Protein backbone atom coordinates (compact mmCIF):
# COMPACT_ATOMS: atom_id res chain seq x y z
CA MET A 1 59.50 89.08 82.52
CA GLU A 2 61.88 91.13 84.63
CA LYS A 3 65.49 90.79 83.53
CA LYS A 4 67.69 89.99 86.53
CA LEU A 5 71.46 89.96 86.83
CA ILE A 6 72.49 88.16 90.02
CA CYS A 7 76.07 88.72 91.15
CA ARG A 8 77.63 86.16 93.48
CA ILE A 9 79.69 88.11 96.05
CA ALA A 10 82.60 86.39 97.77
CA GLN A 11 85.94 86.75 99.53
CA ASN A 12 87.43 89.89 101.10
CA PHE A 13 86.31 93.51 100.90
CA GLY A 14 88.50 94.46 97.94
CA ASN A 15 87.24 91.48 95.92
CA GLN A 16 83.65 92.30 96.83
CA LEU A 17 84.06 95.79 95.41
CA PHE A 18 85.44 94.48 92.11
CA MET A 19 82.67 91.92 91.77
CA TYR A 20 79.97 94.48 92.43
CA ALA A 21 81.48 97.18 90.19
CA HIS A 22 81.69 94.80 87.23
CA ALA A 23 78.14 93.55 87.79
CA TYR A 24 76.84 97.10 88.15
CA ALA A 25 78.36 98.14 84.82
CA LEU A 26 77.25 94.95 83.08
CA SER A 27 73.67 95.40 84.30
CA LYS A 28 73.65 98.93 82.85
CA LYS A 29 75.03 97.78 79.50
CA LEU A 30 72.50 94.95 79.20
CA ASN A 31 69.61 96.87 80.79
CA TYR A 32 69.06 94.25 83.51
CA ASN A 33 68.06 94.87 87.12
CA LEU A 34 70.96 94.18 89.47
CA TYR A 35 70.66 91.77 92.39
CA ILE A 36 73.40 90.43 94.63
CA ASP A 37 73.79 87.04 96.24
CA ASN A 38 75.48 87.69 99.58
CA LEU A 39 74.60 84.32 101.12
CA SER A 40 75.96 81.51 98.94
CA SER A 41 79.61 82.20 99.77
CA TYR A 42 79.28 83.65 103.27
CA SER A 43 77.08 80.83 104.57
CA ASN A 44 80.07 78.52 104.08
CA SER A 45 81.67 77.80 107.47
CA LYS A 46 85.13 77.65 105.84
CA ASN A 47 84.88 81.27 104.72
CA PHE A 48 86.59 83.62 107.18
CA HIS A 49 85.79 86.88 105.39
CA ASN A 50 82.86 89.15 106.21
CA PHE A 51 80.34 90.70 103.84
CA HIS A 52 80.77 94.50 103.81
CA LEU A 53 78.77 95.82 100.87
CA ASN A 54 75.74 96.31 103.10
CA ARG A 55 77.67 99.15 104.75
CA LEU A 56 77.81 101.03 101.45
CA ASN A 57 75.23 103.03 99.54
CA ILE A 58 74.69 100.34 96.93
CA SER A 59 71.50 100.43 94.90
CA ALA A 60 71.32 96.71 94.08
CA LYS A 61 68.64 94.56 95.67
CA TYR A 62 69.31 91.26 97.43
CA ALA A 63 68.29 88.17 95.50
CA ASP A 64 65.50 86.03 96.96
CA SER A 65 66.36 82.62 98.36
CA ASN A 66 64.68 80.83 95.45
CA LEU A 67 67.22 82.43 93.07
CA ILE A 68 70.46 81.63 94.90
CA PHE A 69 72.48 78.59 95.94
CA GLU A 70 73.15 79.07 99.64
CA THR A 71 72.86 75.44 100.78
CA PRO A 72 74.99 72.38 99.89
CA ALA A 73 72.08 70.83 97.98
CA LYS A 74 71.48 74.02 96.02
CA ASN A 75 75.18 74.30 95.28
CA ILE A 76 75.08 70.87 93.62
CA LYS A 77 72.20 72.16 91.49
CA ARG A 78 74.34 75.22 90.61
CA LYS A 79 77.17 73.01 89.37
CA ILE A 80 74.78 70.97 87.21
CA LEU A 81 73.25 74.14 85.75
CA LYS A 82 76.70 75.52 84.97
CA PHE A 83 77.57 72.33 83.09
CA ILE A 84 74.30 72.40 81.10
CA ASP A 85 74.90 76.08 80.35
CA LYS A 86 77.87 75.17 78.15
CA PHE A 87 75.38 73.83 75.60
CA ARG A 88 72.77 76.58 75.85
CA HIS A 89 72.33 79.21 73.15
CA LYS A 90 71.14 81.75 75.72
CA LYS A 91 73.45 81.58 78.70
CA LYS A 92 72.32 81.65 82.32
CA PHE A 93 75.87 82.07 83.63
CA CYS A 94 78.48 84.70 82.95
CA ILE A 95 81.68 83.17 84.33
CA GLU A 96 85.04 84.94 84.22
CA LYS A 97 87.25 83.40 81.56
CA PHE A 98 90.92 82.56 81.96
CA VAL A 99 93.59 83.11 79.33
CA LYS A 100 95.85 80.40 80.71
CA ASN A 101 95.84 78.53 84.01
CA LYS A 102 94.59 81.14 86.52
CA ILE A 103 95.55 84.19 84.43
CA THR A 104 92.74 86.36 83.12
CA ASP A 105 92.42 89.65 81.23
CA PHE A 106 89.81 92.22 80.34
CA TYR A 107 87.17 91.34 77.77
CA ASP A 108 83.76 92.87 77.17
CA THR A 109 81.39 90.57 79.02
CA SER A 110 78.35 92.40 77.62
CA LYS A 111 79.18 91.19 74.10
CA LEU A 112 80.28 87.68 74.98
CA TYR A 113 76.98 85.79 74.85
CA ASN A 114 73.27 85.91 74.24
CA PHE A 115 71.86 85.88 77.75
CA ASN A 116 68.83 84.37 79.45
CA PRO A 117 66.44 86.81 81.21
CA VAL A 118 68.06 85.68 84.50
CA ILE A 119 71.88 85.78 84.56
CA TYR A 120 74.27 84.58 87.25
CA VAL A 121 77.59 86.41 87.27
CA GLU A 122 80.63 84.84 88.93
CA GLY A 123 84.27 85.89 88.97
CA HIS A 124 86.66 88.57 90.21
CA TYR A 125 86.83 90.91 87.17
CA GLU A 126 89.71 92.86 88.69
CA SER A 127 90.19 95.65 86.17
CA GLU A 128 88.75 99.14 85.95
CA LYS A 129 88.19 98.54 82.24
CA TYR A 130 85.02 96.66 83.16
CA PHE A 131 83.43 99.64 84.89
CA VAL A 132 85.44 102.83 84.34
CA ASP A 133 82.71 104.23 82.07
CA TYR A 134 80.48 104.33 85.15
CA LYS A 135 83.09 105.72 87.54
CA GLU A 136 81.05 108.61 88.91
CA GLU A 137 78.09 106.32 89.60
CA ILE A 138 80.25 103.67 91.26
CA ILE A 139 81.91 106.24 93.50
CA LYS A 140 78.41 107.16 94.70
CA GLU A 141 77.48 103.49 95.10
CA PHE A 142 80.54 102.98 97.31
CA LYS A 143 79.91 105.91 99.63
CA ILE A 144 79.69 104.69 103.21
CA LYS A 145 76.23 104.94 104.78
CA THR A 146 77.59 106.09 108.14
CA GLU A 147 80.04 108.60 106.66
CA ARG A 148 78.91 111.35 109.07
CA ASN A 149 80.12 109.24 111.97
CA LEU A 150 83.53 108.72 110.38
CA ILE A 151 84.52 112.38 110.19
CA LYS A 152 85.40 112.18 113.88
CA ASN A 153 88.29 109.84 113.10
CA LYS A 154 91.51 111.33 114.48
CA TYR A 155 93.45 110.61 111.29
CA LEU A 156 91.13 112.64 109.06
CA GLU A 157 92.50 115.97 110.28
CA ILE A 158 96.02 114.82 109.34
CA ILE A 159 94.79 113.89 105.86
CA ASN A 160 92.93 117.17 105.35
CA ASN A 161 95.83 119.39 106.45
CA ASN A 162 98.85 117.68 104.91
CA ASN A 163 100.18 116.28 101.67
CA VAL A 164 99.40 112.80 102.87
CA VAL A 165 100.89 109.84 101.05
CA SER A 166 98.96 106.66 101.69
CA ILE A 167 101.00 103.46 102.09
CA CYS A 168 99.56 99.99 102.58
CA VAL A 169 101.45 96.87 103.66
CA ARG A 170 99.75 93.52 103.13
CA GLN A 171 101.01 90.92 105.62
CA HIS A 172 100.48 87.13 105.49
CA ARG A 173 99.74 87.22 101.78
CA PHE A 174 100.12 83.45 101.37
CA SER A 175 99.78 82.18 104.93
CA GLU A 176 96.36 83.41 106.12
CA LYS A 177 94.72 80.03 105.56
CA ASN A 178 97.68 77.66 105.64
CA LYS A 179 100.60 78.44 107.91
CA SER A 180 102.95 75.84 106.47
CA GLN A 181 106.63 76.79 106.49
CA PHE A 182 106.56 77.11 102.71
CA ASN A 183 103.67 79.60 102.84
CA LEU A 184 105.23 81.51 105.74
CA ASP A 185 108.49 81.88 103.82
CA LYS A 186 106.59 82.95 100.72
CA SER A 187 104.69 85.60 102.73
CA ASN A 188 107.90 86.91 104.30
CA GLN A 189 109.50 87.24 100.87
CA PHE A 190 106.42 89.07 99.63
CA LEU A 191 106.69 91.46 102.59
CA LYS A 192 110.36 92.18 101.88
CA ARG A 193 109.64 92.89 98.21
CA THR A 194 106.79 95.18 99.24
CA ILE A 195 109.04 97.17 101.58
CA ASP A 196 111.74 97.50 98.91
CA TYR A 197 109.13 98.84 96.51
CA ILE A 198 107.76 101.30 99.09
CA TYR A 199 111.14 102.92 99.70
CA LYS A 200 111.79 103.16 95.99
CA ALA A 201 108.37 104.83 95.59
CA ILE A 202 109.14 107.24 98.44
CA ASN A 203 112.22 108.45 96.55
CA PHE A 204 109.99 109.08 93.54
CA ILE A 205 107.23 110.81 95.52
CA GLU A 206 109.61 113.20 97.27
CA LYS A 207 110.66 114.58 93.89
CA LYS A 208 107.03 115.32 93.06
CA ILE A 209 105.43 116.84 96.16
CA GLN A 210 106.53 119.07 99.01
CA ASN A 211 106.55 118.01 102.65
CA PRO A 212 104.88 114.62 102.24
CA LYS A 213 103.27 113.10 105.31
CA TYR A 214 103.31 109.30 105.31
CA LEU A 215 100.34 107.39 106.69
CA LEU A 216 100.64 103.63 106.77
CA TRP A 217 97.81 101.08 106.75
CA SER A 218 98.13 97.34 107.27
CA ASN A 219 96.11 94.25 108.07
CA ASP A 220 98.72 93.51 110.78
CA PHE A 221 101.11 96.07 112.27
CA ALA A 222 103.15 93.51 114.22
CA ASN A 223 106.87 93.81 113.39
CA LEU A 224 106.39 96.76 110.99
CA HIS A 225 108.14 99.18 113.37
CA GLN A 226 111.44 97.56 112.46
CA TYR A 227 110.92 98.68 108.85
CA PHE A 228 109.18 102.03 109.34
CA ASP A 229 110.39 104.64 111.82
CA SER A 230 107.48 106.02 113.86
CA ASN A 231 109.00 109.50 113.65
CA ARG A 232 108.53 109.43 109.90
CA PHE A 233 105.53 107.16 109.42
CA THR A 234 102.16 107.39 111.17
CA PHE A 235 100.49 104.02 111.62
CA VAL A 236 96.74 104.20 111.01
CA GLU A 237 95.53 101.79 113.66
CA ASN A 238 91.74 101.89 113.59
CA GLN A 239 90.54 99.62 116.37
CA ASN A 240 86.82 99.76 115.69
CA ASP A 241 85.12 98.98 112.38
CA LYS A 242 88.54 98.78 110.80
CA GLU A 243 87.64 97.96 107.17
CA ILE A 244 85.05 100.74 106.90
CA ASN A 245 87.19 103.36 108.64
CA ASP A 246 90.23 102.40 106.58
CA LEU A 247 88.40 102.60 103.25
CA TYR A 248 86.92 105.98 104.14
CA LEU A 249 90.27 107.47 105.14
CA LEU A 250 92.10 106.02 102.15
CA SER A 251 89.56 107.54 99.76
CA LYS A 252 90.29 110.97 101.26
CA CYS A 253 94.04 110.84 100.60
CA LYS A 254 95.78 112.81 97.84
CA TYR A 255 98.77 110.62 96.99
CA PHE A 256 99.24 106.86 96.97
CA ILE A 257 102.05 104.36 97.10
CA VAL A 258 99.58 101.65 96.25
CA GLY A 259 100.30 98.39 98.02
CA PRO A 260 99.90 94.95 96.43
CA THR A 261 96.38 94.58 97.76
CA THR A 262 92.94 94.94 96.18
CA PHE A 263 91.75 96.93 99.21
CA HIS A 264 94.36 99.66 98.75
CA TRP A 265 93.68 99.64 95.00
CA TRP A 266 90.12 100.68 95.82
CA GLY A 267 91.20 103.33 98.31
CA ALA A 268 93.30 104.96 95.59
CA TRP A 269 90.69 104.53 92.84
CA LEU A 270 87.91 106.07 94.95
CA SER A 271 89.95 109.17 95.81
CA GLU A 272 88.43 112.17 94.03
CA TYR A 273 91.45 114.46 94.44
CA ASN A 274 92.02 115.99 90.99
CA ASN A 275 95.82 115.93 91.03
CA LYS A 276 96.33 112.64 92.80
CA ILE A 277 99.43 110.56 92.12
CA CYS A 278 99.20 106.80 92.24
CA VAL A 279 102.41 104.78 92.20
CA ARG A 280 101.91 101.08 91.79
CA PRO A 281 104.08 97.98 92.47
CA PRO A 282 106.17 96.01 89.97
CA ASP A 283 104.52 93.01 88.34
CA ASP A 284 106.24 90.42 90.54
CA ILE A 285 104.15 91.53 93.55
CA ASN A 286 100.87 91.92 91.70
CA PRO A 287 98.02 90.78 94.00
CA SER A 288 95.76 89.92 91.07
CA ASN A 289 95.79 87.34 88.29
CA ASN A 290 94.27 89.90 85.90
CA LYS A 291 96.75 91.24 83.36
CA SER A 292 94.80 94.54 83.24
CA PHE A 293 94.65 94.97 87.02
CA TRP A 294 96.54 98.28 87.23
CA PRO A 295 94.99 101.41 85.69
CA GLU A 296 97.16 102.68 82.86
CA SER A 297 97.45 106.15 84.42
CA TRP A 298 99.14 104.77 87.55
CA ILE A 299 102.92 104.96 87.64
CA LYS A 300 104.79 101.68 87.56
CA LEU A 301 108.13 101.50 89.35
């Protein structure tokens, strides 16, 4: 019987990359064939994120409909199977564990259980410790299929010819889904803390490299001009195919003031520049609930 590891992909692009990278490494450790379920989450009308892994050079196959839970009825079946799985000797589900409340940490999922020949993997697994042993392979997996078309991007010449420092500002951190006053205030406070961190990181970077050129990415550039002078900062405003263009350009940068966002984390991690510098945010603006989210080689300010 073929051994299958089926990874449930969900949420935004950065989360999708973490989910896939963990599943890829786990499938290698267990010697299972990797499949992804890209329908169960994205068939939900309440989900406002798009599936992007199909734009990358991933080697995983897509799971057949009879193996996934893409309808409400099938999702009920999934919940029942997950409950029964608690009592199984050989587990069908590999679910990310939490240390306390919503806090999680790295643990070796390959040694956690005896597994069934078909495994369903669910969770964020937001730490390089899950997959860093396969870094070269994952970098290849995450190459963009249409990369040849992206070299025409006007920002690439700036990146290639300057000591570019990549900056990313995540707006609406807590108010994307619910625009209550409480969430709006929380998002604004998050933005202010991010900007404070960025300027502190700039002071650090300018002691390390000569003539830095600052390129700034964001999910929303509205109101950012009041914080970042356009004479000093170049806004990377990709109008078409934004997520793919942004990831490609980020991966080509040399230096990073990594923003509190999983997407920018991946841009920095995928950069293959040998002498890259990655500065990362303080813990109070950590975008992840994983205690091992930040690579140990990145510089904490």
